[in-house]
Amino acid sequence: MLISSEFEVAQPPDKVWQFFGNIPQVAACLPGAELTEDLGGDKYQGRVAVRMGPVRLNFGGTAEITERDEAARRMVAHAVGAEERGRGQASMDLTATLTRAGSGTRVSVTQDLQLAGAAAQYGRGMISDVTSVLMRDFAANLADRITRAERGEALTAAAATPAQGFTVGLRAALMALTRVFRRFFAPYRPVPS
């Protein structure tokens, strides 16, 4: 399943790219993610936990930066993991590209996500909505961490905020409902004369 998203950070591209060079700090921006070991050679071991209502999925696995293109400000990563209770597997190829957007930076992220087992039962719509919610939180955490680093604050690599089930699930459900209402009411919109 291919999922694309974009967000903007109110920092110049060089500063955002420099931050992207510190993978433990980048991982700490993603709710529910935790790096547990640096395996060397741009390869890391870690966990990702997402809770959607009563369902909590905990994946453990590895992630590796497979490409860094300084000139294009493009980074590619490959991650693979298994649900800790043996209820499924996931693999993902992620590409992040940074471009100038006014005085800030636009971050374009493409994820090629493959799920098997319990996580796959949620379907593309719900997974896309949860991903959108997590990317918004990631963007806010990224901007906050860059600003705090600029002020000279010491940043730990601990996860910024956990991916809480009720909040993530509710926000994803609201996105889905909004999409349904737009489709339903689209034929009834008045046509301007």
N, C-alpha and C. Protein backbone atom coordinates (compact mmCIF):
# COMPACT_ATOMS: atom_id res chain seq x y z
N MET A 1 0.85 -1.15 0.00
CA MET A 1 0.00 0.00 0.00
C MET A 1 0.91 1.23 0.00
N LEU A 2 0.67 2.12 -0.95
CA LEU A 2 1.46 3.33 -1.09
C LEU A 2 0.74 4.48 -0.40
N ILE A 3 1.41 5.15 0.55
CA ILE A 3 0.83 6.26 1.29
C ILE A 3 1.77 7.45 1.13
N SER A 4 1.23 8.56 0.63
CA SER A 4 2.03 9.77 0.47
C SER A 4 1.48 10.87 1.35
N SER A 5 2.37 11.67 1.91
CA SER A 5 1.95 12.80 2.73
C SER A 5 3.00 13.90 2.64
N GLU A 6 2.56 15.10 2.96
CA GLU A 6 3.45 16.26 2.96
C GLU A 6 3.15 17.11 4.18
N PHE A 7 4.16 17.78 4.67
CA PHE A 7 3.96 18.75 5.74
C PHE A 7 5.06 19.80 5.61
N GLU A 8 4.84 20.94 6.25
CA GLU A 8 5.83 22.01 6.22
C GLU A 8 6.37 22.27 7.60
N VAL A 9 7.63 22.63 7.64
CA VAL A 9 8.32 22.97 8.87
C VAL A 9 8.84 24.39 8.71
N ALA A 10 8.61 25.23 9.69
CA ALA A 10 9.00 26.64 9.60
C ALA A 10 10.48 26.82 9.94
N GLN A 11 11.31 26.05 9.25
CA GLN A 11 12.77 26.12 9.39
C GLN A 11 13.36 25.96 7.99
N PRO A 12 14.53 26.55 7.73
CA PRO A 12 15.14 26.40 6.40
C PRO A 12 15.55 24.95 6.10
N PRO A 13 15.56 24.58 4.82
CA PRO A 13 15.88 23.19 4.44
C PRO A 13 17.21 22.68 4.98
N ASP A 14 18.25 23.54 5.00
CA ASP A 14 19.55 23.07 5.50
C ASP A 14 19.46 22.64 6.95
N LYS A 15 18.71 23.37 7.75
CA LYS A 15 18.58 23.06 9.18
C LYS A 15 17.77 21.77 9.37
N VAL A 16 16.70 21.61 8.58
CA VAL A 16 15.88 20.39 8.68
C VAL A 16 16.69 19.19 8.21
N TRP A 17 17.44 19.34 7.12
CA TRP A 17 18.27 18.24 6.60
C TRP A 17 19.32 17.85 7.63
N GLN A 18 19.93 18.82 8.28
CA GLN A 18 20.92 18.54 9.32
C GLN A 18 20.28 17.73 10.45
N PHE A 19 19.06 18.10 10.84
CA PHE A 19 18.35 17.36 11.89
C PHE A 19 18.07 15.93 11.43
N PHE A 20 17.72 15.75 10.15
CA PHE A 20 17.43 14.42 9.62
C PHE A 20 18.67 13.52 9.66
N GLY A 21 19.85 14.10 9.81
CA GLY A 21 21.07 13.31 9.93
C GLY A 21 21.20 12.62 11.28
N ASN A 22 20.40 13.02 12.26
CA ASN A 22 20.44 12.43 13.59
C ASN A 22 19.23 11.51 13.74
N ILE A 23 19.38 10.26 13.33
CA ILE A 23 18.26 9.32 13.27
C ILE A 23 17.60 9.10 14.64
N PRO A 24 18.34 8.98 15.75
CA PRO A 24 17.64 8.84 17.03
C PRO A 24 16.72 10.04 17.34
N GLN A 25 17.13 11.25 16.98
CA GLN A 25 16.28 12.41 17.21
C GLN A 25 15.07 12.40 16.29
N VAL A 26 15.25 11.99 15.04
CA VAL A 26 14.13 11.89 14.10
C VAL A 26 13.14 10.85 14.59
N ALA A 27 13.62 9.69 15.02
CA ALA A 27 12.74 8.63 15.52
C ALA A 27 11.96 9.10 16.74
N ALA A 28 12.57 9.93 17.58
CA ALA A 28 11.90 10.42 18.78
C ALA A 28 10.73 11.34 18.43
N CYS A 29 10.67 11.83 17.20
CA CYS A 29 9.56 12.70 16.78
C CYS A 29 8.31 11.90 16.42
N LEU A 30 8.46 10.62 16.14
CA LEU A 30 7.33 9.80 15.72
C LEU A 30 6.65 9.19 16.95
N PRO A 31 5.39 9.55 17.19
CA PRO A 31 4.70 9.00 18.36
C PRO A 31 4.71 7.47 18.36
N GLY A 32 5.09 6.92 19.50
CA GLY A 32 5.09 5.47 19.66
C GLY A 32 6.35 4.77 19.20
N ALA A 33 7.31 5.51 18.60
CA ALA A 33 8.54 4.89 18.11
C ALA A 33 9.65 5.02 19.14
N GLU A 34 10.48 4.00 19.20
CA GLU A 34 11.62 4.01 20.12
C GLU A 34 12.76 3.20 19.50
N LEU A 35 13.93 3.81 19.39
CA LEU A 35 15.11 3.07 18.96
C LEU A 35 15.72 2.43 20.19
N THR A 36 16.00 1.14 20.11
CA THR A 36 16.54 0.44 21.27
C THR A 36 18.02 0.14 21.13
N GLU A 37 18.53 0.15 19.88
CA GLU A 37 19.95 -0.15 19.69
C GLU A 37 20.43 0.37 18.35
N ASP A 38 21.62 0.98 18.36
CA ASP A 38 22.29 1.39 17.13
C ASP A 38 23.15 0.22 16.71
N LEU A 39 22.81 -0.41 15.58
CA LEU A 39 23.53 -1.59 15.11
C LEU A 39 24.74 -1.23 14.25
N GLY A 40 24.96 0.07 14.03
CA GLY A 40 26.08 0.52 13.21
C GLY A 40 25.73 0.51 11.74
N GLY A 41 26.45 1.31 10.98
CA GLY A 41 26.24 1.35 9.53
C GLY A 41 24.85 1.82 9.15
N ASP A 42 24.32 2.79 9.89
CA ASP A 42 22.99 3.34 9.61
C ASP A 42 21.87 2.31 9.74
N LYS A 43 22.06 1.34 10.63
CA LYS A 43 21.03 0.33 10.88
C LYS A 43 20.68 0.37 12.37
N TYR A 44 19.37 0.30 12.65
CA TYR A 44 18.90 0.46 14.02
C TYR A 44 17.86 -0.60 14.35
N GLN A 45 17.82 -0.95 15.63
CA GLN A 45 16.78 -1.84 16.12
C GLN A 45 15.84 -0.99 16.96
N GLY A 46 14.53 -1.32 16.89
CA GLY A 46 13.60 -0.52 17.66
C GLY A 46 12.22 -1.12 17.73
N ARG A 47 11.30 -0.30 18.27
CA ARG A 47 9.92 -0.72 18.44
C ARG A 47 9.01 0.42 18.00
N VAL A 48 7.81 0.05 17.56
CA VAL A 48 6.75 1.01 17.26
C VAL A 48 5.47 0.46 17.87
N ALA A 49 4.80 1.30 18.66
CA ALA A 49 3.55 0.89 19.30
C ALA A 49 2.46 1.88 18.90
N VAL A 50 1.37 1.35 18.38
CA VAL A 50 0.22 2.18 18.02
C VAL A 50 -1.01 1.54 18.63
N ARG A 51 -1.80 2.38 19.25
CA ARG A 51 -3.03 1.88 19.86
C ARG A 51 -4.21 2.56 19.20
N MET A 52 -5.12 1.76 18.67
CA MET A 52 -6.33 2.27 18.03
C MET A 52 -7.52 1.71 18.79
N GLY A 53 -8.08 2.52 19.69
CA GLY A 53 -9.17 2.04 20.52
C GLY A 53 -8.68 0.92 21.41
N PRO A 54 -9.37 -0.23 21.41
CA PRO A 54 -8.98 -1.32 22.29
C PRO A 54 -7.80 -2.15 21.75
N VAL A 55 -7.40 -1.90 20.50
CA VAL A 55 -6.35 -2.71 19.88
C VAL A 55 -5.01 -2.01 20.00
N ARG A 56 -4.03 -2.72 20.52
CA ARG A 56 -2.67 -2.18 20.63
C ARG A 56 -1.75 -3.08 19.82
N LEU A 57 -1.04 -2.47 18.88
CA LEU A 57 -0.09 -3.21 18.06
C LEU A 57 1.32 -2.77 18.43
N ASN A 58 2.17 -3.72 18.75
CA ASN A 58 3.56 -3.47 19.11
C ASN A 58 4.45 -4.21 18.13
N PHE A 59 5.16 -3.45 17.32
CA PHE A 59 6.07 -4.06 16.35
C PHE A 59 7.51 -3.86 16.81
N GLY A 60 8.30 -4.91 16.71
CA GLY A 60 9.73 -4.83 16.96
C GLY A 60 10.45 -5.22 15.69
N GLY A 61 11.56 -4.53 15.39
CA GLY A 61 12.28 -4.88 14.16
C GLY A 61 13.47 -3.99 13.94
N THR A 62 13.87 -3.89 12.68
CA THR A 62 15.04 -3.10 12.32
C THR A 62 14.68 -2.09 11.22
N ALA A 63 15.45 -1.01 11.22
CA ALA A 63 15.32 0.00 10.18
C ALA A 63 16.73 0.35 9.72
N GLU A 64 16.86 0.57 8.42
CA GLU A 64 18.17 0.89 7.86
C GLU A 64 18.02 2.03 6.87
N ILE A 65 18.89 3.02 6.97
CA ILE A 65 18.95 4.10 5.99
C ILE A 65 19.70 3.53 4.80
N THR A 66 19.03 3.39 3.67
CA THR A 66 19.65 2.77 2.51
C THR A 66 20.20 3.78 1.51
N GLU A 67 19.77 5.04 1.65
CA GLU A 67 20.26 6.07 0.73
C GLU A 67 20.15 7.44 1.39
N ARG A 68 21.19 8.25 1.19
CA ARG A 68 21.20 9.66 1.61
C ARG A 68 21.74 10.46 0.44
N ASP A 69 20.93 11.33 -0.12
CA ASP A 69 21.35 12.17 -1.23
C ASP A 69 21.37 13.61 -0.73
N GLU A 70 22.57 14.06 -0.36
CA GLU A 70 22.75 15.40 0.22
C GLU A 70 22.28 16.50 -0.74
N ALA A 71 22.64 16.39 -2.01
CA ALA A 71 22.30 17.42 -2.99
C ALA A 71 20.79 17.55 -3.18
N ALA A 72 20.10 16.41 -3.24
CA ALA A 72 18.64 16.43 -3.45
C ALA A 72 17.88 16.46 -2.13
N ARG A 73 18.60 16.41 -1.01
CA ARG A 73 17.98 16.33 0.33
C ARG A 73 16.92 15.23 0.35
N ARG A 74 17.37 14.05 0.02
CA ARG A 74 16.48 12.89 -0.09
C ARG A 74 17.06 11.74 0.73
N MET A 75 16.21 11.10 1.52
CA MET A 75 16.63 9.98 2.35
C MET A 75 15.68 8.81 2.13
N VAL A 76 16.24 7.61 2.03
CA VAL A 76 15.45 6.40 1.84
C VAL A 76 15.78 5.44 2.98
N ALA A 77 14.73 4.85 3.55
CA ALA A 77 14.92 3.89 4.63
C ALA A 77 14.08 2.64 4.37
N HIS A 78 14.55 1.52 4.87
CA HIS A 78 13.81 0.26 4.78
C HIS A 78 13.66 -0.26 6.20
N ALA A 79 12.43 -0.61 6.57
CA ALA A 79 12.16 -1.14 7.91
C ALA A 79 11.38 -2.44 7.78
N VAL A 80 11.65 -3.35 8.67
CA VAL A 80 10.93 -4.63 8.70
C VAL A 80 10.76 -5.03 10.16
N GLY A 81 9.58 -5.57 10.47
CA GLY A 81 9.34 -5.95 11.85
C GLY A 81 8.21 -6.95 11.97
N ALA A 82 8.04 -7.43 13.18
CA ALA A 82 6.98 -8.37 13.48
C ALA A 82 6.25 -7.90 14.73
N GLU A 83 4.95 -8.15 14.76
CA GLU A 83 4.15 -7.81 15.93
C GLU A 83 4.64 -8.70 17.07
N GLU A 84 4.85 -8.10 18.24
CA GLU A 84 5.50 -8.82 19.33
C GLU A 84 4.72 -10.02 19.84
N ARG A 85 3.43 -10.07 19.62
CA ARG A 85 2.64 -11.24 20.05
C ARG A 85 2.47 -12.25 18.91
N GLY A 86 3.21 -12.05 17.83
CA GLY A 86 3.15 -12.98 16.71
C GLY A 86 1.91 -12.84 15.85
N ARG A 87 1.25 -11.66 15.92
CA ARG A 87 -0.01 -11.50 15.18
C ARG A 87 0.17 -10.81 13.83
N GLY A 88 1.39 -10.72 13.33
CA GLY A 88 1.56 -10.13 12.02
C GLY A 88 2.96 -9.60 11.79
N GLN A 89 3.18 -9.20 10.55
CA GLN A 89 4.46 -8.64 10.14
C GLN A 89 4.20 -7.35 9.36
N ALA A 90 5.24 -6.52 9.29
CA ALA A 90 5.16 -5.29 8.51
C ALA A 90 6.52 -5.03 7.88
N SER A 91 6.49 -4.46 6.69
CA SER A 91 7.71 -3.96 6.07
C SER A 91 7.36 -2.65 5.38
N MET A 92 8.34 -1.77 5.32
CA MET A 92 8.08 -0.46 4.75
C MET A 92 9.34 0.08 4.10
N ASP A 93 9.15 0.66 2.94
CA ASP A 93 10.19 1.45 2.30
C ASP A 93 9.70 2.88 2.36
N LEU A 94 10.49 3.76 2.95
CA LEU A 94 10.10 5.14 3.16
C LEU A 94 11.09 6.06 2.45
N THR A 95 10.55 7.03 1.73
CA THR A 95 11.38 8.04 1.08
C THR A 95 10.93 9.41 1.57
N ALA A 96 11.88 10.20 2.08
CA ALA A 96 11.59 11.56 2.53
C ALA A 96 12.43 12.52 1.70
N THR A 97 11.77 13.54 1.15
CA THR A 97 12.44 14.54 0.34
C THR A 97 12.13 15.92 0.89
N LEU A 98 13.15 16.75 1.04
CA LEU A 98 13.00 18.09 1.57
C LEU A 98 13.17 19.11 0.45
N THR A 99 12.24 20.06 0.36
CA THR A 99 12.34 21.15 -0.62
C THR A 99 12.00 22.47 0.07
N ARG A 100 12.48 23.55 -0.50
CA ARG A 100 12.20 24.87 0.05
C ARG A 100 10.73 25.20 -0.18
N ALA A 101 10.12 25.81 0.84
CA ALA A 101 8.73 26.28 0.76
C ALA A 101 8.71 27.65 1.42
N GLY A 102 8.89 28.69 0.63
CA GLY A 102 9.00 30.04 1.18
C GLY A 102 10.26 30.12 2.03
N SER A 103 10.12 30.51 3.30
CA SER A 103 11.28 30.56 4.19
C SER A 103 11.42 29.26 4.98
N GLY A 104 10.50 28.31 4.76
CA GLY A 104 10.53 27.04 5.48
C GLY A 104 10.88 25.87 4.58
N THR A 105 10.45 24.70 5.01
CA THR A 105 10.77 23.45 4.30
C THR A 105 9.52 22.61 4.14
N ARG A 106 9.32 22.09 2.93
CA ARG A 106 8.26 21.11 2.69
C ARG A 106 8.92 19.73 2.73
N VAL A 107 8.34 18.86 3.54
CA VAL A 107 8.83 17.49 3.66
C VAL A 107 7.80 16.58 2.99
N SER A 108 8.21 15.90 1.94
CA SER A 108 7.34 14.95 1.23
C SER A 108 7.76 13.54 1.63
N VAL A 109 6.81 12.76 2.08
CA VAL A 109 7.10 11.41 2.55
C VAL A 109 6.24 10.41 1.77
N THR A 110 6.89 9.41 1.23
CA THR A 110 6.19 8.31 0.56
C THR A 110 6.53 7.02 1.29
N GLN A 111 5.49 6.29 1.67
CA GLN A 111 5.68 5.03 2.37
C GLN A 111 5.05 3.91 1.56
N ASP A 112 5.85 2.91 1.25
CA ASP A 112 5.32 1.70 0.63
C ASP A 112 5.23 0.68 1.76
N LEU A 113 4.02 0.50 2.27
CA LEU A 113 3.79 -0.28 3.48
C LEU A 113 3.13 -1.62 3.13
N GLN A 114 3.69 -2.68 3.65
CA GLN A 114 3.14 -4.02 3.47
C GLN A 114 2.83 -4.59 4.85
N LEU A 115 1.57 -4.96 5.06
CA LEU A 115 1.14 -5.50 6.35
C LEU A 115 0.57 -6.90 6.17
N ALA A 116 0.79 -7.73 7.16
CA ALA A 116 0.19 -9.07 7.19
C ALA A 116 -0.25 -9.33 8.62
N GLY A 117 -1.32 -10.08 8.76
CA GLY A 117 -1.80 -10.42 10.09
C GLY A 117 -2.81 -9.42 10.62
N ALA A 118 -2.83 -9.22 11.94
CA ALA A 118 -3.84 -8.39 12.61
C ALA A 118 -3.89 -6.97 12.07
N ALA A 119 -2.76 -6.36 11.79
CA ALA A 119 -2.74 -4.97 11.33
C ALA A 119 -3.38 -4.83 9.95
N ALA A 120 -3.30 -5.86 9.13
CA ALA A 120 -3.83 -5.78 7.77
C ALA A 120 -5.35 -5.74 7.74
N GLN A 121 -6.02 -6.14 8.81
CA GLN A 121 -7.48 -6.20 8.82
C GLN A 121 -8.14 -4.82 8.82
N TYR A 122 -7.39 -3.76 9.12
CA TYR A 122 -7.99 -2.44 9.23
C TYR A 122 -8.30 -1.79 7.90
N GLY A 123 -7.69 -2.24 6.85
CA GLY A 123 -7.99 -1.70 5.54
C GLY A 123 -7.23 -0.41 5.26
N ARG A 124 -7.15 -0.11 3.98
CA ARG A 124 -6.36 1.02 3.50
C ARG A 124 -6.83 2.35 4.08
N GLY A 125 -8.15 2.59 4.13
CA GLY A 125 -8.67 3.86 4.60
C GLY A 125 -8.25 4.17 6.02
N MET A 126 -8.45 3.23 6.93
CA MET A 126 -8.11 3.44 8.33
C MET A 126 -6.61 3.59 8.51
N ILE A 127 -5.83 2.76 7.82
CA ILE A 127 -4.37 2.84 7.94
C ILE A 127 -3.87 4.18 7.40
N SER A 128 -4.44 4.65 6.29
CA SER A 128 -4.06 5.96 5.74
C SER A 128 -4.41 7.08 6.71
N ASP A 129 -5.58 7.00 7.34
CA ASP A 129 -5.99 8.03 8.29
C ASP A 129 -5.09 8.04 9.52
N VAL A 130 -4.78 6.87 10.05
CA VAL A 130 -3.89 6.79 11.21
C VAL A 130 -2.52 7.32 10.83
N THR A 131 -2.03 6.97 9.64
CA THR A 131 -0.74 7.48 9.17
C THR A 131 -0.76 8.99 9.07
N SER A 132 -1.85 9.56 8.56
CA SER A 132 -1.96 11.02 8.46
C SER A 132 -1.88 11.68 9.84
N VAL A 133 -2.58 11.11 10.80
CA VAL A 133 -2.55 11.64 12.17
C VAL A 133 -1.13 11.57 12.73
N LEU A 134 -0.47 10.43 12.55
CA LEU A 134 0.88 10.27 13.07
C LEU A 134 1.86 11.22 12.38
N MET A 135 1.68 11.46 11.06
CA MET A 135 2.56 12.38 10.34
C MET A 135 2.36 13.81 10.82
N ARG A 136 1.14 14.20 11.15
CA ARG A 136 0.91 15.55 11.70
C ARG A 136 1.62 15.70 13.04
N ASP A 137 1.52 14.69 13.88
CA ASP A 137 2.20 14.74 15.17
C ASP A 137 3.72 14.73 14.98
N PHE A 138 4.19 13.94 14.03
CA PHE A 138 5.62 13.90 13.71
C PHE A 138 6.10 15.28 13.30
N ALA A 139 5.35 15.96 12.42
CA ALA A 139 5.73 17.29 11.95
C ALA A 139 5.81 18.28 13.11
N ALA A 140 4.82 18.26 13.99
CA ALA A 140 4.81 19.17 15.15
C ALA A 140 5.99 18.87 16.07
N ASN A 141 6.27 17.59 16.32
CA ASN A 141 7.39 17.22 17.18
C ASN A 141 8.73 17.58 16.55
N LEU A 142 8.83 17.41 15.23
CA LEU A 142 10.06 17.75 14.50
C LEU A 142 10.35 19.25 14.63
N ALA A 143 9.34 20.08 14.36
CA ALA A 143 9.51 21.54 14.46
C ALA A 143 9.89 21.93 15.88
N ASP A 144 9.24 21.32 16.87
CA ASP A 144 9.53 21.62 18.27
C ASP A 144 10.96 21.24 18.64
N ARG A 145 11.39 20.06 18.22
CA ARG A 145 12.75 19.61 18.56
C ARG A 145 13.82 20.46 17.89
N ILE A 146 13.59 20.87 16.65
CA ILE A 146 14.56 21.73 15.98
C ILE A 146 14.66 23.07 16.70
N THR A 147 13.53 23.63 17.07
CA THR A 147 13.51 24.91 17.78
C THR A 147 14.20 24.79 19.14
N ARG A 148 13.92 23.71 19.85
CA ARG A 148 14.55 23.50 21.16
C ARG A 148 16.05 23.30 21.03
N ALA A 149 16.49 22.58 20.00
CA ALA A 149 17.92 22.38 19.77
C ALA A 149 18.59 23.72 19.45
N GLU A 150 17.89 24.57 18.69
CA GLU A 150 18.41 25.90 18.36
C GLU A 150 18.64 26.74 19.62
N ARG A 151 17.76 26.58 20.59
CA ARG A 151 17.87 27.32 21.86
C ARG A 151 18.94 26.72 22.77
N GLY A 152 19.52 25.60 22.35
CA GLY A 152 20.58 24.98 23.13
C GLY A 152 20.09 24.00 24.17
N GLU A 153 18.82 23.63 24.12
CA GLU A 153 18.30 22.66 25.08
C GLU A 153 18.85 21.27 24.77
N ALA A 154 19.14 20.52 25.81
CA ALA A 154 19.59 19.14 25.63
C ALA A 154 18.36 18.29 25.33
N LEU A 155 18.43 17.54 24.24
CA LEU A 155 17.30 16.70 23.83
C LEU A 155 17.65 15.24 24.05
N THR A 156 16.76 14.52 24.68
CA THR A 156 16.95 13.08 24.82
C THR A 156 16.36 12.41 23.58
N ALA A 157 16.78 11.21 23.32
CA ALA A 157 16.27 10.49 22.16
C ALA A 157 15.04 9.66 22.50
N ALA A 158 14.48 9.87 23.70
CA ALA A 158 13.26 9.16 24.07
C ALA A 158 12.11 9.61 23.18
N ALA A 159 11.12 8.78 23.05
CA ALA A 159 9.97 9.11 22.21
C ALA A 159 9.32 10.39 22.71
N ALA A 160 8.96 11.27 21.78
CA ALA A 160 8.38 12.57 22.12
C ALA A 160 7.04 12.40 22.82
N THR A 161 6.15 11.63 22.24
CA THR A 161 4.85 11.35 22.84
C THR A 161 4.41 9.97 22.37
N PRO A 162 3.75 9.22 23.22
CA PRO A 162 3.27 7.91 22.77
C PRO A 162 2.10 8.06 21.81
N ALA A 163 1.94 7.08 20.95
CA ALA A 163 0.79 7.08 20.03
C ALA A 163 -0.39 6.54 20.80
N GLN A 164 -1.18 7.43 21.36
CA GLN A 164 -2.29 7.04 22.21
C GLN A 164 -3.49 6.60 21.39
N GLY A 165 -4.06 5.51 21.79
CA GLY A 165 -5.15 4.89 21.06
C GLY A 165 -6.37 5.74 20.89
N PHE A 166 -6.91 6.27 21.97
CA PHE A 166 -8.15 7.01 21.85
C PHE A 166 -7.95 8.22 20.96
N THR A 167 -6.86 8.95 21.18
CA THR A 167 -6.64 10.17 20.40
C THR A 167 -6.39 9.83 18.94
N VAL A 168 -5.48 8.90 18.66
CA VAL A 168 -5.18 8.54 17.27
C VAL A 168 -6.42 7.95 16.61
N GLY A 169 -7.07 7.02 17.29
CA GLY A 169 -8.26 6.39 16.72
C GLY A 169 -9.38 7.38 16.46
N LEU A 170 -9.61 8.28 17.43
CA LEU A 170 -10.67 9.27 17.27
C LEU A 170 -10.35 10.23 16.13
N ARG A 171 -9.12 10.72 16.08
CA ARG A 171 -8.75 11.65 15.01
C ARG A 171 -8.84 10.97 13.64
N ALA A 172 -8.43 9.71 13.55
CA ALA A 172 -8.53 8.98 12.28
C ALA A 172 -9.99 8.75 11.92
N ALA A 173 -10.83 8.43 12.91
CA ALA A 173 -12.26 8.23 12.64
C ALA A 173 -12.91 9.52 12.17
N LEU A 174 -12.54 10.64 12.76
CA LEU A 174 -13.09 11.93 12.32
C LEU A 174 -12.68 12.24 10.88
N MET A 175 -11.46 11.90 10.51
CA MET A 175 -11.02 12.10 9.12
C MET A 175 -11.87 11.25 8.18
N ALA A 176 -12.13 10.00 8.57
CA ALA A 176 -12.93 9.11 7.73
C ALA A 176 -14.36 9.62 7.61
N LEU A 177 -14.96 10.07 8.72
CA LEU A 177 -16.32 10.62 8.67
C LEU A 177 -16.40 11.87 7.79
N THR A 178 -15.41 12.73 7.90
CA THR A 178 -15.38 13.93 7.06
C THR A 178 -15.35 13.55 5.59
N ARG A 179 -14.56 12.54 5.25
CA ARG A 179 -14.47 12.07 3.86
C ARG A 179 -15.83 11.54 3.39
N VAL A 180 -16.50 10.77 4.25
CA VAL A 180 -17.81 10.20 3.90
C VAL A 180 -18.83 11.32 3.68
N PHE A 181 -18.87 12.30 4.60
CA PHE A 181 -19.83 13.41 4.46
C PHE A 181 -19.56 14.22 3.20
N ARG A 182 -18.30 14.43 2.87
CA ARG A 182 -17.99 15.18 1.64
C ARG A 182 -18.52 14.44 0.42
N ARG A 183 -18.32 13.13 0.39
CA ARG A 183 -18.81 12.35 -0.75
C ARG A 183 -20.33 12.35 -0.82
N PHE A 184 -20.97 12.22 0.36
CA PHE A 184 -22.42 12.15 0.40
C PHE A 184 -23.06 13.47 -0.01
N PHE A 185 -22.54 14.58 0.50
CA PHE A 185 -23.17 15.87 0.24
C PHE A 185 -22.67 16.56 -1.02
N ALA A 186 -21.65 16.04 -1.67
CA ALA A 186 -21.12 16.67 -2.88
C ALA A 186 -22.18 16.86 -3.97
N PRO A 187 -23.05 15.87 -4.22
CA PRO A 187 -24.05 16.07 -5.28
C PRO A 187 -25.09 17.15 -4.93
N TYR A 188 -25.20 17.50 -3.65
CA TYR A 188 -26.23 18.45 -3.22
C TYR A 188 -25.72 19.87 -3.06
N ARG A 189 -24.45 20.12 -3.37
CA ARG A 189 -23.94 21.47 -3.27
C ARG A 189 -24.57 22.35 -4.34
N PRO A 190 -24.95 23.57 -3.96
CA PRO A 190 -25.53 24.47 -4.96
C PRO A 190 -24.48 24.87 -6.00
N VAL A 191 -24.91 24.95 -7.22
CA VAL A 191 -24.04 25.35 -8.32
C VAL A 191 -24.13 26.88 -8.44
N PRO A 192 -22.97 27.58 -8.42
CA PRO A 192 -23.00 29.04 -8.54
C PRO A 192 -23.58 29.46 -9.88
N SER A 193 -24.39 30.54 -9.85
CA SER A 193 -24.99 30.99 -11.11
C SER A 193 -24.24 32.14 -11.71
